Amino acid sequence: MQDKAVVKFRELSADERTRDLYERREKARRDQAAREKWAFKQGMLEVVRNLLTAGDSVDKIITVTGLTHDEIEGLHHTG
């Protein structure tokens, strides 16, 4: 005997409109996650720039942020 959830899933996935709605929701979820990741990275880069301006060492920033030496040096030179 099949689980009720499996049967319901098969019924819903057979419906084109329901499948389209699911795909749109998943795309919106992925897009939002990408925007959040981008915003987080921009915030992190701003903090690194401020630490460099304040005179913190690259080694300390590597330890705190997990960024690579090249990433930090790239920020240092692009200001």
Protein backbone atom coordinates (compact mmCIF):
# COMPACT_ATOMS: atom_id res chain seq x y z
CA MET A 1 0.00 0.00 0.00
CA GLN A 2 1.40 3.39 -1.00
CA ASP A 3 1.86 6.20 1.42
CA LYS A 4 -0.87 8.88 1.11
CA ALA A 5 1.76 11.59 0.59
CA VAL A 6 3.23 9.72 -2.39
CA VAL A 7 -0.20 9.32 -3.96
CA LYS A 8 -0.97 13.04 -3.41
CA PHE A 9 2.40 14.03 -4.85
CA ARG A 10 1.73 12.01 -7.99
CA GLU A 11 -1.71 13.57 -8.36
CA LEU A 12 -0.35 17.10 -7.99
CA SER A 13 2.66 16.59 -10.24
CA ALA A 14 0.36 15.31 -12.98
CA ASP A 15 -1.46 18.66 -12.99
CA GLU A 16 0.34 21.11 -15.29
CA ARG A 17 -0.92 24.22 -13.49
CA THR A 18 0.20 22.93 -10.10
CA ARG A 19 3.58 21.93 -11.50
CA ASP A 20 3.99 25.40 -13.07
CA LEU A 21 3.11 27.06 -9.76
CA TYR A 22 5.64 24.88 -7.94
CA GLU A 23 8.37 25.71 -10.46
CA ARG A 24 7.64 29.44 -10.13
CA ARG A 25 7.80 29.25 -6.35
CA GLU A 26 11.08 27.35 -6.49
CA LYS A 27 12.56 29.93 -8.89
CA ALA A 28 11.44 32.76 -6.60
CA ARG A 29 13.00 30.95 -3.61
CA ARG A 30 16.31 30.46 -5.46
CA ASP A 31 16.31 34.08 -6.66
CA GLN A 32 15.73 35.34 -3.11
CA ALA A 33 18.53 33.14 -1.77
CA ALA A 34 20.87 34.52 -4.44
CA ARG A 35 19.96 38.11 -3.53
CA GLU A 36 20.57 37.41 0.15
CA LYS A 37 23.93 35.80 -0.60
CA TRP A 38 24.96 38.79 -2.74
CA ALA A 39 23.88 41.26 -0.03
CA PHE A 40 25.78 39.32 2.63
CA LYS A 41 28.93 39.30 0.51
CA GLN A 42 28.64 43.04 -0.15
CA GLY A 43 28.32 43.67 3.58
CA MET A 44 31.31 41.46 4.29
CA LEU A 45 33.39 43.29 1.71
CA GLU A 46 32.46 46.65 3.21
CA VAL A 47 33.53 45.44 6.66
CA VAL A 48 36.85 44.22 5.22
CA ARG A 49 37.44 47.58 3.54
CA ASN A 50 36.76 49.32 6.86
CA LEU A 51 39.14 46.98 8.72
CA LEU A 52 41.86 47.63 6.16
CA THR A 53 41.30 51.37 6.43
CA ALA A 54 41.52 51.08 10.23
CA GLY A 55 44.89 49.39 9.84
CA ASP A 56 44.01 45.80 10.76
CA SER A 57 46.40 43.23 9.35
CA VAL A 58 45.45 41.06 6.41
CA ASP A 59 46.26 37.98 8.50
CA LYS A 60 43.78 39.04 11.17
CA ILE A 61 41.09 39.69 8.57
CA ILE A 62 41.72 36.26 7.02
CA THR A 63 41.27 34.64 10.43
CA VAL A 64 38.06 36.52 11.18
CA THR A 65 36.36 36.40 7.75
CA GLY A 66 37.67 33.24 6.12
CA LEU A 67 38.45 35.20 2.96
CA THR A 68 41.63 34.46 1.08
CA HIS A 69 44.69 36.69 1.00
CA ASP A 70 44.06 37.43 -2.69
CA GLU A 71 40.44 38.45 -2.05
CA ILE A 72 41.50 40.85 0.68
CA GLU A 73 44.42 42.26 -1.25
CA GLY A 74 42.10 42.80 -4.23
CA LEU A 75 39.84 44.88 -2.00
CA HIS A 76 42.78 46.76 -0.57
CA HIS A 77 43.92 47.79 -4.04
CA THR A 78 40.46 48.59 -5.44
CA GLY A 79 39.49 50.64 -2.40
